[in-house]
N, C-alpha and C. Protein backbone atom coordinates (compact mmCIF):
# COMPACT_ATOMS: atom_id res chain seq x y z
N MET A 1 0.83 -1.20 0.00
CA MET A 1 0.00 0.00 0.00
C MET A 1 0.87 1.26 0.00
N ALA A 2 1.96 1.23 0.74
CA ALA A 2 2.84 2.40 0.79
C ALA A 2 3.47 2.66 -0.57
N LEU A 3 3.75 1.58 -1.30
CA LEU A 3 4.33 1.71 -2.63
C LEU A 3 3.38 2.46 -3.57
N TYR A 4 2.08 2.19 -3.44
CA TYR A 4 1.08 2.87 -4.26
C TYR A 4 1.15 4.38 -4.02
N PHE A 5 1.16 4.80 -2.75
CA PHE A 5 1.18 6.22 -2.44
C PHE A 5 2.49 6.87 -2.87
N LEU A 6 3.59 6.12 -2.80
CA LEU A 6 4.87 6.63 -3.28
C LEU A 6 4.80 6.89 -4.78
N PHE A 7 4.29 5.91 -5.53
CA PHE A 7 4.14 6.09 -6.98
C PHE A 7 3.16 7.22 -7.29
N LEU A 8 2.05 7.28 -6.58
CA LEU A 8 1.05 8.32 -6.83
C LEU A 8 1.64 9.71 -6.62
N GLY A 9 2.32 9.89 -5.50
CA GLY A 9 2.94 11.19 -5.22
C GLY A 9 4.00 11.54 -6.25
N GLY A 10 4.83 10.56 -6.60
CA GLY A 10 5.87 10.80 -7.60
C GLY A 10 5.30 11.17 -8.95
N LEU A 11 4.28 10.44 -9.38
CA LEU A 11 3.66 10.72 -10.68
C LEU A 11 3.02 12.11 -10.69
N PHE A 12 2.36 12.48 -9.60
CA PHE A 12 1.72 13.80 -9.56
C PHE A 12 2.76 14.91 -9.57
N VAL A 13 3.87 14.73 -8.86
CA VAL A 13 4.93 15.74 -8.86
C VAL A 13 5.57 15.84 -10.25
N LEU A 14 5.83 14.70 -10.86
CA LEU A 14 6.51 14.71 -12.16
C LEU A 14 5.62 15.11 -13.34
N PHE A 15 4.34 14.70 -13.30
CA PHE A 15 3.51 14.85 -14.49
C PHE A 15 2.30 15.77 -14.34
N TYR A 16 1.96 16.20 -13.13
CA TYR A 16 0.75 17.01 -12.99
C TYR A 16 0.99 18.36 -12.33
N ALA A 17 1.64 18.36 -11.20
CA ALA A 17 1.89 19.62 -10.48
C ALA A 17 2.83 20.49 -11.31
N PRO A 18 2.67 21.79 -11.22
CA PRO A 18 3.53 22.67 -12.03
C PRO A 18 4.93 22.83 -11.39
N THR A 19 5.58 21.70 -11.14
CA THR A 19 6.88 21.70 -10.48
C THR A 19 8.03 21.79 -11.48
N PHE A 20 7.83 21.29 -12.67
CA PHE A 20 8.86 21.29 -13.71
C PHE A 20 8.26 21.80 -15.01
N SER A 21 9.10 22.29 -15.89
CA SER A 21 8.60 22.75 -17.19
C SER A 21 8.01 21.56 -17.97
N PHE A 22 8.58 20.37 -17.74
CA PHE A 22 8.06 19.17 -18.41
C PHE A 22 6.62 18.88 -18.00
N SER A 23 6.32 18.99 -16.71
CA SER A 23 4.95 18.70 -16.25
C SER A 23 3.97 19.73 -16.79
N SER A 24 4.39 20.96 -16.88
CA SER A 24 3.51 21.99 -17.47
C SER A 24 3.30 21.69 -18.95
N TRP A 25 4.37 21.32 -19.64
CA TRP A 25 4.26 21.02 -21.07
C TRP A 25 3.34 19.83 -21.31
N ILE A 26 3.51 18.77 -20.52
CA ILE A 26 2.71 17.56 -20.76
C ILE A 26 1.23 17.84 -20.50
N ASN A 27 0.92 18.67 -19.51
CA ASN A 27 -0.48 19.00 -19.25
C ASN A 27 -1.06 19.90 -20.32
N GLU A 28 -0.27 20.82 -20.82
CA GLU A 28 -0.74 21.66 -21.93
C GLU A 28 -0.98 20.81 -23.17
N ALA A 29 -0.07 19.86 -23.43
CA ALA A 29 -0.24 18.97 -24.59
C ALA A 29 -1.48 18.10 -24.42
N GLN A 30 -1.69 17.57 -23.23
CA GLN A 30 -2.87 16.73 -22.99
C GLN A 30 -4.16 17.55 -23.12
N THR A 31 -4.16 18.77 -22.62
CA THR A 31 -5.33 19.64 -22.76
C THR A 31 -5.58 19.96 -24.23
N THR A 32 -4.53 20.24 -24.98
CA THR A 32 -4.66 20.52 -26.41
C THR A 32 -5.22 19.31 -27.15
N LEU A 33 -4.73 18.13 -26.80
CA LEU A 33 -5.22 16.89 -27.42
C LEU A 33 -6.70 16.67 -27.07
N THR A 34 -7.07 16.93 -25.83
CA THR A 34 -8.47 16.80 -25.41
C THR A 34 -9.35 17.77 -26.19
N LEU A 35 -8.90 19.01 -26.32
CA LEU A 35 -9.68 20.00 -27.08
C LEU A 35 -9.82 19.60 -28.54
N ALA A 36 -8.75 19.04 -29.12
CA ALA A 36 -8.82 18.59 -30.51
C ALA A 36 -9.83 17.45 -30.65
N GLY A 37 -9.84 16.54 -29.69
CA GLY A 37 -10.82 15.45 -29.70
C GLY A 37 -12.24 15.96 -29.57
N LEU A 38 -12.44 16.94 -28.72
CA LEU A 38 -13.78 17.52 -28.54
C LEU A 38 -14.24 18.26 -29.79
N ASP A 39 -13.31 18.94 -30.44
CA ASP A 39 -13.66 19.74 -31.61
C ASP A 39 -14.21 18.89 -32.75
N LEU A 40 -13.87 17.61 -32.76
CA LEU A 40 -14.40 16.70 -33.79
C LEU A 40 -15.91 16.49 -33.64
N PHE A 41 -16.43 16.67 -32.43
CA PHE A 41 -17.83 16.34 -32.15
C PHE A 41 -18.71 17.53 -31.80
N LEU A 42 -18.12 18.66 -31.45
CA LEU A 42 -18.92 19.83 -31.09
C LEU A 42 -19.42 20.54 -32.34
N LYS A 43 -20.43 21.37 -32.15
CA LYS A 43 -20.95 22.17 -33.26
C LYS A 43 -19.86 23.10 -33.77
N PRO A 44 -19.92 23.46 -35.06
CA PRO A 44 -18.92 24.41 -35.57
C PRO A 44 -18.92 25.70 -34.75
N GLU A 45 -17.75 26.17 -34.45
CA GLU A 45 -17.54 27.41 -33.70
C GLU A 45 -17.98 27.33 -32.23
N GLN A 46 -18.37 26.16 -31.75
CA GLN A 46 -18.77 26.04 -30.34
C GLN A 46 -17.55 26.06 -29.42
N LEU A 47 -16.44 25.53 -29.91
CA LEU A 47 -15.20 25.52 -29.13
C LEU A 47 -14.35 26.70 -29.57
N LYS A 48 -14.05 27.56 -28.62
CA LYS A 48 -13.19 28.72 -28.90
C LYS A 48 -12.11 28.75 -27.83
N GLY A 49 -10.89 28.41 -28.23
CA GLY A 49 -9.80 28.31 -27.25
C GLY A 49 -10.07 27.15 -26.31
N ILE A 50 -10.17 27.48 -25.01
CA ILE A 50 -10.47 26.44 -24.02
C ILE A 50 -11.93 26.50 -23.57
N ASP A 51 -12.72 27.30 -24.26
CA ASP A 51 -14.13 27.51 -23.89
C ASP A 51 -15.07 26.75 -24.81
N ILE A 52 -16.02 26.04 -24.21
CA ILE A 52 -17.11 25.42 -24.97
C ILE A 52 -18.34 26.26 -24.68
N TRP A 53 -18.83 26.94 -25.69
CA TRP A 53 -19.97 27.84 -25.51
C TRP A 53 -21.27 27.05 -25.57
N ILE A 54 -22.03 27.12 -24.48
CA ILE A 54 -23.33 26.47 -24.40
C ILE A 54 -24.38 27.42 -24.97
N ASN A 55 -24.32 28.66 -24.58
CA ASN A 55 -25.14 29.74 -25.13
C ASN A 55 -24.35 31.03 -24.93
N PRO A 56 -24.82 32.17 -25.44
CA PRO A 56 -24.03 33.40 -25.33
C PRO A 56 -23.72 33.83 -23.88
N GLN A 57 -24.46 33.33 -22.91
CA GLN A 57 -24.22 33.71 -21.51
C GLN A 57 -23.52 32.63 -20.69
N TYR A 58 -23.30 31.46 -21.26
CA TYR A 58 -22.76 30.35 -20.46
C TYR A 58 -21.76 29.53 -21.26
N LYS A 59 -20.62 29.29 -20.65
CA LYS A 59 -19.59 28.48 -21.29
C LYS A 59 -19.00 27.52 -20.27
N ILE A 60 -18.46 26.42 -20.78
CA ILE A 60 -17.73 25.45 -19.97
C ILE A 60 -16.26 25.62 -20.34
N ILE A 61 -15.42 25.78 -19.34
CA ILE A 61 -14.00 26.00 -19.57
C ILE A 61 -13.24 24.68 -19.34
N ILE A 62 -12.46 24.29 -20.31
CA ILE A 62 -11.67 23.06 -20.21
C ILE A 62 -10.29 23.44 -19.67
N THR A 63 -10.07 23.12 -18.41
CA THR A 63 -8.82 23.45 -17.74
C THR A 63 -7.95 22.20 -17.61
N GLN A 64 -6.82 22.35 -16.95
CA GLN A 64 -5.92 21.22 -16.72
C GLN A 64 -6.64 20.10 -15.98
N ALA A 65 -7.54 20.43 -15.09
CA ALA A 65 -8.27 19.41 -14.32
C ALA A 65 -9.22 18.60 -15.20
N CYS A 66 -9.51 19.09 -16.40
CA CYS A 66 -10.44 18.40 -17.30
C CYS A 66 -9.74 17.55 -18.35
N ASN A 67 -8.42 17.54 -18.37
CA ASN A 67 -7.70 16.87 -19.46
C ASN A 67 -7.54 15.37 -19.29
N GLY A 68 -8.01 14.83 -18.18
CA GLY A 68 -7.97 13.38 -17.97
C GLY A 68 -6.70 12.86 -17.32
N MET A 69 -5.75 13.73 -17.00
CA MET A 69 -4.49 13.27 -16.42
C MET A 69 -4.66 12.70 -15.01
N ILE A 70 -5.56 13.24 -14.23
CA ILE A 70 -5.70 12.78 -12.84
C ILE A 70 -6.09 11.30 -12.78
N PRO A 71 -7.16 10.86 -13.45
CA PRO A 71 -7.46 9.42 -13.37
C PRO A 71 -6.40 8.55 -14.03
N ILE A 72 -5.73 9.07 -15.05
CA ILE A 72 -4.65 8.31 -15.69
C ILE A 72 -3.53 8.06 -14.68
N LEU A 73 -3.16 9.09 -13.93
CA LEU A 73 -2.08 8.93 -12.95
C LEU A 73 -2.47 8.01 -11.80
N PHE A 74 -3.73 8.04 -11.38
CA PHE A 74 -4.19 7.10 -10.36
C PHE A 74 -4.07 5.66 -10.87
N LEU A 75 -4.46 5.43 -12.12
CA LEU A 75 -4.34 4.10 -12.70
C LEU A 75 -2.87 3.69 -12.81
N TYR A 76 -2.03 4.60 -13.28
CA TYR A 76 -0.61 4.30 -13.43
C TYR A 76 0.01 3.92 -12.09
N ALA A 77 -0.31 4.65 -11.03
CA ALA A 77 0.23 4.34 -9.71
C ALA A 77 -0.21 2.95 -9.26
N SER A 78 -1.45 2.60 -9.53
CA SER A 78 -1.96 1.27 -9.17
C SER A 78 -1.23 0.19 -9.95
N ILE A 79 -1.03 0.40 -11.22
CA ILE A 79 -0.35 -0.58 -12.07
C ILE A 79 1.12 -0.73 -11.64
N LEU A 80 1.78 0.39 -11.39
CA LEU A 80 3.19 0.33 -11.00
C LEU A 80 3.39 -0.36 -9.66
N ALA A 81 2.45 -0.19 -8.74
CA ALA A 81 2.58 -0.77 -7.41
C ALA A 81 2.23 -2.25 -7.37
N TYR A 82 1.53 -2.74 -8.38
CA TYR A 82 1.08 -4.14 -8.38
C TYR A 82 2.18 -5.04 -8.96
N PRO A 83 2.41 -6.20 -8.33
CA PRO A 83 3.45 -7.10 -8.86
C PRO A 83 3.05 -7.69 -10.21
N SER A 84 3.82 -7.36 -11.22
CA SER A 84 3.55 -7.81 -12.58
C SER A 84 4.82 -7.63 -13.39
N THR A 85 4.84 -8.17 -14.59
CA THR A 85 6.00 -7.98 -15.46
C THR A 85 6.02 -6.55 -16.00
N PHE A 86 7.21 -6.11 -16.36
CA PHE A 86 7.37 -4.76 -16.91
C PHE A 86 6.56 -4.60 -18.19
N VAL A 87 6.58 -5.60 -19.04
CA VAL A 87 5.85 -5.54 -20.31
C VAL A 87 4.35 -5.41 -20.06
N GLN A 88 3.83 -6.19 -19.12
CA GLN A 88 2.39 -6.10 -18.79
C GLN A 88 2.04 -4.70 -18.31
N LYS A 89 2.89 -4.13 -17.48
CA LYS A 89 2.63 -2.78 -16.96
C LYS A 89 2.58 -1.76 -18.10
N ILE A 90 3.54 -1.83 -19.00
CA ILE A 90 3.59 -0.89 -20.13
C ILE A 90 2.36 -1.06 -21.01
N ILE A 91 2.01 -2.30 -21.33
CA ILE A 91 0.83 -2.55 -22.18
C ILE A 91 -0.42 -1.97 -21.54
N TRP A 92 -0.63 -2.22 -20.25
CA TRP A 92 -1.84 -1.75 -19.58
C TRP A 92 -1.83 -0.23 -19.36
N MET A 93 -0.65 0.35 -19.23
CA MET A 93 -0.58 1.81 -19.12
C MET A 93 -0.97 2.45 -20.45
N ILE A 94 -0.51 1.88 -21.55
CA ILE A 94 -0.88 2.41 -22.87
C ILE A 94 -2.38 2.21 -23.12
N LEU A 95 -2.88 1.01 -22.85
CA LEU A 95 -4.32 0.76 -23.00
C LEU A 95 -5.14 1.71 -22.12
N GLY A 96 -4.69 1.90 -20.89
CA GLY A 96 -5.38 2.80 -19.97
C GLY A 96 -5.40 4.22 -20.47
N TYR A 97 -4.27 4.68 -21.00
CA TYR A 97 -4.23 6.05 -21.53
C TYR A 97 -5.23 6.22 -22.67
N ILE A 98 -5.22 5.28 -23.59
CA ILE A 98 -6.12 5.38 -24.75
C ILE A 98 -7.58 5.35 -24.30
N LEU A 99 -7.92 4.40 -23.44
CA LEU A 99 -9.31 4.29 -22.99
C LEU A 99 -9.73 5.51 -22.18
N PHE A 100 -8.87 5.98 -21.29
CA PHE A 100 -9.22 7.18 -20.52
C PHE A 100 -9.37 8.40 -21.43
N PHE A 101 -8.56 8.51 -22.46
CA PHE A 101 -8.69 9.63 -23.39
C PHE A 101 -10.08 9.61 -24.04
N VAL A 102 -10.48 8.45 -24.53
CA VAL A 102 -11.80 8.32 -25.18
C VAL A 102 -12.93 8.56 -24.18
N VAL A 103 -12.84 7.95 -23.01
CA VAL A 103 -13.90 8.11 -22.00
C VAL A 103 -13.98 9.56 -21.53
N ASN A 104 -12.86 10.23 -21.42
CA ASN A 104 -12.87 11.63 -21.00
C ASN A 104 -13.57 12.51 -22.04
N ILE A 105 -13.33 12.25 -23.32
CA ILE A 105 -14.02 12.99 -24.39
C ILE A 105 -15.52 12.74 -24.29
N VAL A 106 -15.91 11.48 -24.13
CA VAL A 106 -17.33 11.14 -24.00
C VAL A 106 -17.93 11.83 -22.76
N ARG A 107 -17.18 11.83 -21.66
CA ARG A 107 -17.64 12.47 -20.41
C ARG A 107 -17.91 13.96 -20.64
N ILE A 108 -16.98 14.64 -21.27
CA ILE A 108 -17.15 16.08 -21.49
C ILE A 108 -18.31 16.33 -22.45
N LEU A 109 -18.42 15.53 -23.50
CA LEU A 109 -19.54 15.68 -24.44
C LEU A 109 -20.88 15.43 -23.75
N LEU A 110 -20.92 14.47 -22.84
CA LEU A 110 -22.13 14.21 -22.06
C LEU A 110 -22.50 15.42 -21.21
N VAL A 111 -21.51 16.00 -20.57
CA VAL A 111 -21.76 17.20 -19.75
C VAL A 111 -22.27 18.34 -20.63
N VAL A 112 -21.66 18.53 -21.79
CA VAL A 112 -22.11 19.58 -22.72
C VAL A 112 -23.55 19.33 -23.15
N TYR A 113 -23.85 18.09 -23.53
CA TYR A 113 -25.21 17.76 -23.99
C TYR A 113 -26.24 18.01 -22.88
N VAL A 114 -25.96 17.53 -21.68
CA VAL A 114 -26.91 17.70 -20.56
C VAL A 114 -27.08 19.18 -20.23
N THR A 115 -25.98 19.92 -20.24
CA THR A 115 -26.05 21.35 -19.92
C THR A 115 -26.81 22.12 -20.99
N GLU A 116 -26.59 21.77 -22.26
CA GLU A 116 -27.30 22.44 -23.36
C GLU A 116 -28.80 22.17 -23.32
N ASN A 117 -29.16 20.95 -23.00
CA ASN A 117 -30.56 20.54 -23.07
C ASN A 117 -31.28 20.60 -21.73
N GLY A 118 -30.59 21.01 -20.70
CA GLY A 118 -31.19 21.09 -19.37
C GLY A 118 -31.38 22.53 -18.94
N LYS A 119 -31.17 22.72 -17.66
CA LYS A 119 -31.39 24.05 -17.08
C LYS A 119 -30.10 24.81 -16.84
N GLY A 120 -29.05 24.45 -17.56
CA GLY A 120 -27.80 25.20 -17.47
C GLY A 120 -26.91 24.75 -16.33
N GLN A 121 -26.54 25.72 -15.49
CA GLN A 121 -25.51 25.49 -14.48
C GLN A 121 -25.86 24.37 -13.50
N GLY A 122 -27.09 24.28 -13.07
CA GLY A 122 -27.49 23.21 -12.16
C GLY A 122 -27.29 21.83 -12.78
N ASP A 123 -27.62 21.70 -14.05
CA ASP A 123 -27.41 20.43 -14.74
C ASP A 123 -25.93 20.17 -15.01
N PHE A 124 -25.15 21.24 -15.14
CA PHE A 124 -23.71 21.05 -15.30
C PHE A 124 -23.13 20.35 -14.08
N TYR A 125 -23.49 20.81 -12.90
CA TYR A 125 -22.87 20.26 -11.69
C TYR A 125 -23.17 18.78 -11.49
N TRP A 126 -24.44 18.37 -11.63
CA TRP A 126 -24.72 16.95 -11.40
C TRP A 126 -24.15 16.08 -12.52
N SER A 127 -24.20 16.58 -13.78
CA SER A 127 -23.68 15.76 -14.87
C SER A 127 -22.15 15.66 -14.82
N HIS A 128 -21.51 16.72 -14.38
CA HIS A 128 -20.05 16.72 -14.27
C HIS A 128 -19.58 15.98 -13.02
N ASP A 129 -20.08 16.41 -11.87
CA ASP A 129 -19.57 15.88 -10.60
C ASP A 129 -20.05 14.47 -10.31
N LEU A 130 -21.29 14.18 -10.60
CA LEU A 130 -21.82 12.86 -10.27
C LEU A 130 -21.63 11.86 -11.41
N ILE A 131 -22.20 12.15 -12.56
CA ILE A 131 -22.17 11.20 -13.67
C ILE A 131 -20.77 11.13 -14.29
N GLY A 132 -20.19 12.26 -14.63
CA GLY A 132 -18.89 12.29 -15.30
C GLY A 132 -17.78 11.67 -14.47
N ASN A 133 -17.68 12.07 -13.22
CA ASN A 133 -16.61 11.53 -12.38
C ASN A 133 -16.84 10.06 -12.04
N THR A 134 -18.09 9.66 -11.91
CA THR A 134 -18.39 8.23 -11.69
C THR A 134 -17.96 7.42 -12.90
N LEU A 135 -18.20 7.95 -14.09
CA LEU A 135 -17.77 7.27 -15.31
C LEU A 135 -16.25 7.06 -15.33
N LEU A 136 -15.51 8.07 -14.90
CA LEU A 136 -14.05 7.94 -14.85
C LEU A 136 -13.63 6.92 -13.79
N MET A 137 -14.29 6.92 -12.64
CA MET A 137 -13.94 5.96 -11.58
C MET A 137 -14.22 4.53 -12.01
N ILE A 138 -15.36 4.31 -12.64
CA ILE A 138 -15.72 2.96 -13.10
C ILE A 138 -14.73 2.50 -14.17
N THR A 139 -14.34 3.40 -15.05
CA THR A 139 -13.35 3.07 -16.08
C THR A 139 -12.03 2.65 -15.44
N GLY A 140 -11.55 3.44 -14.49
CA GLY A 140 -10.29 3.13 -13.83
C GLY A 140 -10.35 1.82 -13.07
N LEU A 141 -11.44 1.60 -12.37
CA LEU A 141 -11.59 0.36 -11.62
C LEU A 141 -11.65 -0.85 -12.57
N GLY A 142 -12.41 -0.72 -13.64
CA GLY A 142 -12.51 -1.79 -14.62
C GLY A 142 -11.16 -2.11 -15.26
N LEU A 143 -10.41 -1.07 -15.60
CA LEU A 143 -9.08 -1.28 -16.18
C LEU A 143 -8.15 -1.98 -15.20
N PHE A 144 -8.18 -1.55 -13.94
CA PHE A 144 -7.28 -2.15 -12.96
C PHE A 144 -7.65 -3.61 -12.68
N ILE A 145 -8.93 -3.90 -12.62
CA ILE A 145 -9.36 -5.30 -12.43
C ILE A 145 -8.90 -6.16 -13.61
N ALA A 146 -9.08 -5.64 -14.82
CA ALA A 146 -8.63 -6.39 -16.01
C ALA A 146 -7.12 -6.57 -16.00
N PHE A 147 -6.40 -5.55 -15.58
CA PHE A 147 -4.94 -5.64 -15.46
C PHE A 147 -4.55 -6.72 -14.45
N ILE A 148 -5.19 -6.73 -13.29
CA ILE A 148 -4.89 -7.73 -12.26
C ILE A 148 -5.15 -9.14 -12.80
N LYS A 149 -6.28 -9.32 -13.45
CA LYS A 149 -6.62 -10.65 -13.98
C LYS A 149 -5.60 -11.10 -15.02
N SER A 150 -5.22 -10.21 -15.92
CA SER A 150 -4.26 -10.60 -16.95
C SER A 150 -2.86 -10.80 -16.35
N SER A 151 -2.50 -10.01 -15.36
CA SER A 151 -1.20 -10.15 -14.70
C SER A 151 -1.12 -11.45 -13.93
N THR A 152 -2.19 -11.80 -13.25
CA THR A 152 -2.23 -13.04 -12.47
C THR A 152 -2.06 -14.24 -13.40
N ARG A 153 -2.74 -14.22 -14.53
CA ARG A 153 -2.62 -15.31 -15.51
C ARG A 153 -1.19 -15.42 -16.04
N SER A 154 -0.60 -14.28 -16.37
CA SER A 154 0.75 -14.33 -16.95
C SER A 154 1.79 -14.71 -15.90
N LEU A 155 1.61 -14.33 -14.65
CA LEU A 155 2.55 -14.73 -13.60
C LEU A 155 2.44 -16.22 -13.31
N LYS A 156 1.24 -16.78 -13.42
CA LYS A 156 1.05 -18.22 -13.23
C LYS A 156 1.74 -19.01 -14.33
N ASN A 157 1.80 -18.44 -15.54
CA ASN A 157 2.39 -19.14 -16.68
C ASN A 157 3.93 -19.08 -16.67
N LEU A 158 4.52 -18.28 -15.79
CA LEU A 158 6.00 -18.17 -15.74
C LEU A 158 6.62 -19.39 -15.09
């Protein structure tokens, strides 16, 4: 358990907190990638910079906290702390990144859809905080369970 927290803290310092120019760069790149993914599905001109315009008076701002890095780092810390082969860890980290990227785009689009078709800010909070974050947690848990099952099988075969 201590190993998990060591990895989690290290990953957050190296890749999320603005402690190094590299961590700032990687978060800006991840946010840019997220915005590019969103732009494929939003209405023309709905995305301007980091803002998704719901109507002329209301916008959703895509910040560093929305780029999907936080759940990715939680998954990575779990994978790194679990006894498994190096190759298995790398494979599952890549799979996790790809799946979290897609799920995060779907999560943000869901929040946009609910906010556009609902009552605005009130619908933003429940769709973002309850539904969106639950979707990310279920994704992370599902990935980690699948990783454990595949790691256990491969360790038995050694």
